[in-house]
C-alpha cells in the first residue's frame, strides 16, 4: 500500500511539473507573439507593404483563435 501511494505521489509530481512546463511554454510563445506584433507595427509605419502584411497576420491570428476555441 505504501509503495502504491508513493508511486501515485511521484506520478502526480511529474504531471504537475509537465503542466508547469507547458504553461511556461505558452507564456513564452504569447510574449514572443506580442513582441512580433509590436515590431510589425513599427515596420508597418514605415512601409505600406508591411502594413498590408501586418493586417493579414492579425486576421490569420483571429481565425486561428476562433478555430481553437
PDB file of N, CA and C in Angstrom:
ATOM      1  N   UNK A   1       0.825  -1.192   0.000  1.00  0.00           N
ATOM      2  CA  UNK A   1       0.000   0.000   0.000  1.00  0.00           C
ATOM      3  C   UNK A   1       0.874   1.263   0.000  1.00  0.00           C
ATOM      4  N   UNK A   2       1.925   1.275   0.807  1.00  0.00           N
ATOM      5  CA  UNK A   2       2.815   2.433   0.848  1.00  0.00           C
ATOM      6  C   UNK A   2       3.495   2.651  -0.496  1.00  0.00           C
ATOM      7  N   UNK A   3       3.863   1.561  -1.153  1.00  0.00           N
ATOM      8  CA  UNK A   3       4.516   1.664  -2.462  1.00  0.00           C
ATOM      9  C   UNK A   3       3.560   2.284  -3.483  1.00  0.00           C
ATOM     10  N   UNK A   4       2.310   1.875  -3.448  1.00  0.00           N
ATOM     11  CA  UNK A   4       1.317   2.422  -4.378  1.00  0.00           C
ATOM     12  C   UNK A   4       1.127   3.914  -4.137  1.00  0.00           C
ATOM     13  N   UNK A   5       1.043   4.306  -2.885  1.00  0.00           N
ATOM     14  CA  UNK A   5       0.879   5.723  -2.548  1.00  0.00           C
ATOM     15  C   UNK A   5       2.101   6.518  -2.992  1.00  0.00           C
ATOM     16  N   UNK A   6       3.266   5.960  -2.802  1.00  0.00           N
ATOM     17  CA  UNK A   6       4.496   6.633  -3.217  1.00  0.00           C
ATOM     18  C   UNK A   6       4.540   6.802  -4.738  1.00  0.00           C
ATOM     19  N   UNK A   7       4.165   5.764  -5.465  1.00  0.00           N
ATOM     20  CA  UNK A   7       4.143   5.841  -6.924  1.00  0.00           C
ATOM     21  C   UNK A   7       3.120   6.871  -7.404  1.00  0.00           C
ATOM     22  N   UNK A   8       1.971   6.933  -6.721  1.00  0.00           N
ATOM     23  CA  UNK A   8       0.954   7.910  -7.079  1.00  0.00           C
ATOM     24  C   UNK A   8       1.479   9.330  -6.864  1.00  0.00           C
ATOM     25  N   UNK A   9       2.116   9.577  -5.738  1.00  0.00           N
ATOM     26  CA  UNK A   9       2.682  10.908  -5.447  1.00  0.00           C
ATOM     27  C   UNK A   9       3.743  11.280  -6.484  1.00  0.00           C
ATOM     28  N   UNK A  10       4.558  10.312  -6.845  1.00  0.00           N
ATOM     29  CA  UNK A  10       5.594  10.567  -7.845  1.00  0.00           C
ATOM     30  C   UNK A  10       4.958  10.917  -9.189  1.00  0.00           C
ATOM     31  N   UNK A  11       3.972  10.132  -9.613  1.00  0.00           N
ATOM     32  CA  UNK A  11       3.290  10.389 -10.881  1.00  0.00           C
ATOM     33  C   UNK A  11       2.593  11.745 -10.853  1.00  0.00           C
ATOM     34  N   UNK A  12       1.991  12.076  -9.720  1.00  0.00           N
ATOM     35  CA  UNK A  12       1.317  13.363  -9.587  1.00  0.00           C
ATOM     36  C   UNK A  12       2.327  14.507  -9.688  1.00  0.00           C
ATOM     37  N   UNK A  13       3.452  14.357  -9.035  1.00  0.00           N
ATOM     38  CA  UNK A  13       4.505  15.375  -9.105  1.00  0.00           C
ATOM     39  C   UNK A  13       5.025  15.562 -10.521  1.00  0.00           C
ATOM     40  N   UNK A  14       5.215  14.464 -11.223  1.00  0.00           N
ATOM     41  CA  UNK A  14       5.683  14.536 -12.610  1.00  0.00           C
ATOM     42  C   UNK A  14       4.648  15.222 -13.499  1.00  0.00           C
ATOM     43  N   UNK A  15       3.397  14.914 -13.244  1.00  0.00           N
ATOM     44  CA  UNK A  15       2.318  15.548 -14.021  1.00  0.00           C
ATOM     45  C   UNK A  15       2.285  17.051 -13.741  1.00  0.00           C
ATOM     46  N   UNK A  16       2.415  17.437 -12.489  1.00  0.00           N
ATOM     47  CA  UNK A  16       2.420  18.855 -12.122  1.00  0.00           C
ATOM     48  C   UNK A  16       3.588  19.581 -12.794  1.00  0.00           C
ATOM     49  N   UNK A  17       4.746  18.946 -12.842  1.00  0.00           N
ATOM     50  CA  UNK A  17       5.923  19.550 -13.473  1.00  0.00           C
ATOM     51  C   UNK A  17       5.693  19.698 -14.981  1.00  0.00           C
ATOM     52  N   UNK A  18       5.109  18.703 -15.602  1.00  0.00           N
ATOM     53  CA  UNK A  18       4.810  18.776 -17.026  1.00  0.00           C
ATOM     54  C   UNK A  18       3.831  19.915 -17.319  1.00  0.00           C
ATOM     55  N   UNK A  19       2.803  20.053 -16.492  1.00  0.00           N
ATOM     56  CA  UNK A  19       1.847  21.145 -16.666  1.00  0.00           C
ATOM     57  C   UNK A  19       2.520  22.502 -16.478  1.00  0.00           C
ATOM     58  N   UNK A  20       3.411  22.604 -15.502  1.00  0.00           N
ATOM     59  CA  UNK A  20       4.134  23.858 -15.272  1.00  0.00           C
ATOM     60  C   UNK A  20       4.980  24.219 -16.492  1.00  0.00           C
ATOM     61  N   UNK A  21       5.667  23.229 -17.042  1.00  0.00           N
ATOM     62  CA  UNK A  21       6.484  23.463 -18.230  1.00  0.00           C
ATOM     63  C   UNK A  21       5.618  23.880 -19.419  1.00  0.00           C
ATOM     64  N   UNK A  22       4.471  23.232 -19.576  1.00  0.00           N
ATOM     65  CA  UNK A  22       3.573  23.553 -20.681  1.00  0.00           C
ATOM     66  C   UNK A  22       3.066  24.994 -20.548  1.00  0.00           C
ATOM     67  N   UNK A  23       2.653  25.379 -19.343  1.00  0.00           N
ATOM     68  CA  UNK A  23       2.169  26.744 -19.118  1.00  0.00           C
ATOM     69  C   UNK A  23       3.278  27.761 -19.382  1.00  0.00           C
ATOM     70  N   UNK A  24       4.492  27.445 -18.970  1.00  0.00           N
ATOM     71  CA  UNK A  24       5.620  28.328 -19.207  1.00  0.00           C
ATOM     72  C   UNK A  24       5.878  28.492 -20.705  1.00  0.00           C
ATOM     73  N   UNK A  25       5.786  27.404 -21.435  1.00  0.00           N
ATOM     74  CA  UNK A  25       5.974  27.448 -22.880  1.00  0.00           C
ATOM     75  C   UNK A  25       4.915  28.330 -23.535  1.00  0.00           C
ATOM     76  N   UNK A  26       3.678  28.185 -23.124  1.00  0.00           N
ATOM     77  CA  UNK A  26       2.598  29.002 -23.674  1.00  0.00           C
ATOM     78  C   UNK A  26       2.834  30.481 -23.366  1.00  0.00           C
ATOM     79  N   UNK A  27       3.237  30.788 -22.144  1.00  0.00           N
ATOM     80  CA  UNK A  27       3.526  32.177 -21.775  1.00  0.00           C
ATOM     81  C   UNK A  27       4.652  32.755 -22.631  1.00  0.00           C
ATOM     82  N   UNK A  28       5.688  31.975 -22.864  1.00  0.00           N
ATOM     83  CA  UNK A  28       6.804  32.445 -23.696  1.00  0.00           C
ATOM     84  C   UNK A  28       6.350  32.691 -25.131  1.00  0.00           C
ATOM     85  N   UNK A  29       5.523  31.799 -25.654  1.00  0.00           N
ATOM     86  CA  UNK A  29       5.019  31.971 -27.016  1.00  0.00           C
ATOM     87  C   UNK A  29       4.152  33.224 -27.117  1.00  0.00           C
ATOM     88  N   UNK A  30       3.311  33.458 -26.113  1.00  0.00           N
ATOM     89  CA  UNK A  30       2.470  34.648 -26.124  1.00  0.00           C
ATOM     90  C   UNK A  30       3.312  35.914 -26.043  1.00  0.00           C
ATOM     91  N   UNK A  31       4.364  35.883 -25.234  1.00  0.00           N
ATOM     92  CA  UNK A  31       5.255  37.046 -25.123  1.00  0.00           C
ATOM     93  C   UNK A  31       5.927  37.326 -26.461  1.00  0.00           C
ATOM     94  N   UNK A  32       6.436  36.297 -27.104  1.00  0.00           N
ATOM     95  CA  UNK A  32       7.082  36.475 -28.403  1.00  0.00           C
ATOM     96  C   UNK A  32       6.089  36.967 -29.453  1.00  0.00           C
ATOM     97  N   UNK A  33       4.871  36.476 -29.368  1.00  0.00           N
ATOM     98  CA  UNK A  33       3.842  36.904 -30.303  1.00  0.00           C
ATOM     99  C   UNK A  33       3.553  38.399 -30.132  1.00  0.00           C
ATOM    100  N   UNK A  34       3.463  38.855 -28.887  1.00  0.00           N
ATOM    101  CA  UNK A  34       3.244  40.279 -28.631  1.00  0.00           C
ATOM    102  C   UNK A  34       4.420  41.106 -29.144  1.00  0.00           C
ATOM    103  N   UNK A  35       5.634  40.610 -28.927  1.00  0.00           N
ATOM    104  CA  UNK A  35       6.822  41.328 -29.406  1.00  0.00           C
ATOM    105  C   UNK A  35       6.821  41.419 -30.930  1.00  0.00           C
ATOM    106  N   UNK A  36       6.438  40.332 -31.604  1.00  0.00           N
ATOM    107  CA  UNK A  36       6.381  40.349 -33.061  1.00  0.00           C
ATOM    108  C   UNK A  36       5.325  41.335 -33.546  1.00  0.00           C
ATOM    109  N   UNK A  37       4.196  41.396 -32.854  1.00  0.00           N
ATOM    110  CA  UNK A  37       3.164  42.352 -33.223  1.00  0.00           C
ATOM    111  C   UNK A  37       3.667  43.785 -33.070  1.00  0.00           C
ATOM    112  N   UNK A  38       4.405  44.049 -31.997  1.00  0.00           N
ATOM    113  CA  UNK A  38       4.948  45.397 -31.787  1.00  0.00           C
ATOM    114  C   UNK A  38       5.936  45.761 -32.893  1.00  0.00           C
ATOM    115  N   UNK A  39       6.788  44.820 -33.256  1.00  0.00           N
ATOM    116  CA  UNK A  39       7.736  45.074 -34.344  1.00  0.00           C
ATOM    117  C   UNK A  39       7.010  45.282 -35.671  1.00  0.00           C
ATOM    118  N   UNK A  40       5.949  44.548 -35.879  1.00  0.00           N
ATOM    119  CA  UNK A  40       5.183  44.694 -37.114  1.00  0.00           C
ATOM    120  C   UNK A  40       4.546  46.081 -37.197  1.00  0.00           C
ATOM    121  N   UNK A  41       4.090  46.589 -36.065  1.00  0.00           N
ATOM    122  CA  UNK A  41       3.506  47.934 -36.048  1.00  0.00           C
ATOM    123  C   UNK A  41       4.565  48.960 -36.436  1.00  0.00           C
ATOM    124  N   UNK A  42       5.755  48.824 -35.888  1.00  0.00           N
ATOM    125  CA  UNK A  42       6.841  49.747 -36.213  1.00  0.00           C
ATOM    126  C   UNK A  42       7.177  49.656 -37.698  1.00  0.00           C
ATOM    127  N   UNK A  43       7.266  48.439 -38.213  1.00  0.00           N
ATOM    128  CA  UNK A  43       7.574  48.257 -39.631  1.00  0.00           C
ATOM    129  C   UNK A  43       6.455  48.781 -40.514  1.00  0.00           C
ATOM    130  N   UNK A  44       5.218  48.531 -40.096  1.00  0.00           N
ATOM    131  CA  UNK A  44       4.076  48.968 -40.886  1.00  0.00           C
ATOM    132  C   UNK A  44       4.035  50.487 -41.003  1.00  0.00           C
ATOM    133  N   UNK A  45       4.509  51.162 -39.996  1.00  0.00           N
ATOM    134  CA  UNK A  45       4.511  52.627 -40.030  1.00  0.00           C
ATOM    135  C   UNK A  45       5.453  53.147 -41.114  1.00  0.00           C
ATOM    136  N   UNK A  46       6.430  52.342 -41.486  1.00  0.00           N
ATOM    137  CA  UNK A  46       7.414  52.806 -42.462  1.00  0.00           C
ATOM    138  C   UNK A  46       7.179  52.281 -43.878  1.00  0.00           C
ATOM    139  N   UNK A  47       6.214  51.372 -44.038  1.00  0.00           N
ATOM    140  CA  UNK A  47       6.035  50.781 -45.363  1.00  0.00           C
ATOM    141  C   UNK A  47       4.594  50.311 -45.552  1.00  0.00           C
ATOM    142  N   UNK A  48       3.928  50.744 -46.615  1.00  0.00           N
ATOM    143  CA  UNK A  48       2.569  50.266 -46.896  1.00  0.00           C
ATOM    144  C   UNK A  48       2.512  48.748 -47.090  1.00  0.00           C
ATOM    145  N   UNK A  49       3.561  48.184 -47.670  1.00  0.00           N
ATOM    146  CA  UNK A  49       3.603  46.723 -47.873  1.00  0.00           C
ATOM    147  C   UNK A  49       3.619  45.999 -46.528  1.00  0.00           C
ATOM    148  N   UNK A  50       4.384  46.514 -45.596  1.00  0.00           N
ATOM    149  CA  UNK A  50       4.430  45.928 -44.257  1.00  0.00           C
ATOM    150  C   UNK A  50       3.086  46.070 -43.555  1.00  0.00           C
ATOM    151  N   UNK A  51       2.421  47.194 -43.780  1.00  0.00           N
ATOM    152  CA  UNK A  51       1.107  47.399 -43.175  1.00  0.00           C
ATOM    153  C   UNK A  51       0.129  46.340 -43.666  1.00  0.00           C
ATOM    154  N   UNK A  52       0.142  46.052 -44.959  1.00  0.00           N
ATOM    155  CA  UNK A  52      -0.735  45.022 -45.521  1.00  0.00           C
ATOM    156  C   UNK A  52      -0.426  43.661 -44.905  1.00  0.00           C
ATOM    157  N   UNK A  53       0.848  43.320 -44.785  1.00  0.00           N
ATOM    158  CA  UNK A  53       1.245  42.048 -44.174  1.00  0.00           C
ATOM    159  C   UNK A  53       0.760  41.980 -42.731  1.00  0.00           C
ATOM    160  N   UNK A  54       0.914  43.073 -41.990  1.00  0.00           N
ATOM    161  CA  UNK A  54       0.507  43.118 -40.592  1.00  0.00           C
ATOM    162  C   UNK A  54      -0.994  42.873 -40.461  1.00  0.00           C
ATOM    163  N   UNK A  55      -1.789  43.504 -41.295  1.00  0.00           N
ATOM    164  CA  UNK A  55      -3.243  43.320 -41.251  1.00  0.00           C
ATOM    165  C   UNK A  55      -3.591  41.864 -41.562  1.00  0.00           C
ATOM    166  N   UNK A  56      -2.961  41.282 -42.564  1.00  0.00           N
ATOM    167  CA  UNK A  56      -3.203  39.876 -42.897  1.00  0.00           C
ATOM    168  C   UNK A  56      -2.802  38.960 -41.740  1.00  0.00           C
ATOM    169  N   UNK A  57      -1.694  39.282 -41.095  1.00  0.00           N
ATOM    170  CA  UNK A  57      -1.224  38.495 -39.948  1.00  0.00           C
ATOM    171  C   UNK A  57      -2.254  38.521 -38.820  1.00  0.00           C
ATOM    172  N   UNK A  58      -2.783  39.697 -38.524  1.00  0.00           N
ATOM    173  CA  UNK A  58      -3.781  39.807 -37.457  1.00  0.00           C
ATOM    174  C   UNK A  58      -5.046  39.033 -37.809  1.00  0.00           C
ATOM    175  N   UNK A  59      -5.462  39.089 -39.053  1.00  0.00           N
ATOM    176  CA  UNK A  59      -6.646  38.346 -39.477  1.00  0.00           C
ATOM    177  C   UNK A  59      -6.420  36.847 -39.333  1.00  0.00           C
ATOM    178  N   UNK A  60      -5.243  36.386 -39.697  1.00  0.00           N
ATOM    179  CA  UNK A  60      -4.907  34.961 -39.566  1.00  0.00           C
ATOM    180  C   UNK A  60      -4.932  34.547 -38.104  1.00  0.00           C
ATOM    181  N   UNK A  61      -4.347  35.381 -37.222  1.00  0.00           N
ATOM    182  CA  UNK A  61      -4.342  35.060 -35.793  1.00  0.00           C
ATOM    183  C   UNK A  61      -5.761  34.971 -35.242  1.00  0.00           C
ATOM    184  N   UNK A  62      -6.640  35.873 -35.685  1.00  0.00           N
ATOM    185  CA  UNK A  62      -8.022  35.847 -35.218  1.00  0.00           C
ATOM    186  C   UNK A  62      -8.729  34.585 -35.691  1.00  0.00           C
ATOM    187  N   UNK A  63      -8.480  34.180 -36.937  1.00  0.00           N
ATOM    188  CA  UNK A  63      -9.088  32.967 -37.455  1.00  0.00           C
ATOM    189  C   UNK A  63      -8.610  31.738 -36.691  1.00  0.00           C
ATOM    190  N   UNK A  64      -7.325  31.669 -36.428  1.00  0.00           N
ATOM    191  CA  UNK A  64      -6.768  30.535 -35.686  1.00  0.00           C
ATOM    192  C   UNK A  64      -7.366  30.492 -34.273  1.00  0.00           C
ATOM    193  N   UNK A  65      -7.483  31.654 -33.637  1.00  0.00           N
ATOM    194  CA  UNK A  65      -8.060  31.708 -32.299  1.00  0.00           C
ATOM    195  C   UNK A  65      -9.508  31.216 -32.322  1.00  0.00           C
ATOM    196  N   UNK A  66     -10.257  31.581 -33.346  1.00  0.00           N
ATOM    197  CA  UNK A  66     -11.640  31.121 -33.454  1.00  0.00           C
ATOM    198  C   UNK A  66     -11.714  29.610 -33.642  1.00  0.00           C
ATOM    199  N   UNK A  67     -10.779  29.056 -34.424  1.00  0.00           N
ATOM    200  CA  UNK A  67     -10.792  27.610 -34.673  1.00  0.00           C
ATOM    201  C   UNK A  67     -10.505  26.810 -33.402  1.00  0.00           C
ATOM    202  N   UNK A  68      -9.696  27.367 -32.522  1.00  0.00           N
ATOM    203  CA  UNK A  68      -9.276  26.621 -31.334  1.00  0.00           C
ATOM    204  C   UNK A  68     -10.030  26.999 -30.084  1.00  0.00           C
ATOM    205  N   UNK A  69     -11.174  27.640 -30.229  1.00  0.00           N
ATOM    206  CA  UNK A  69     -11.979  27.964 -29.046  1.00  0.00           C
ATOM    207  C   UNK A  69     -12.735  26.756 -28.588  1.00  0.00           C
TER     208      UNK A  69
END
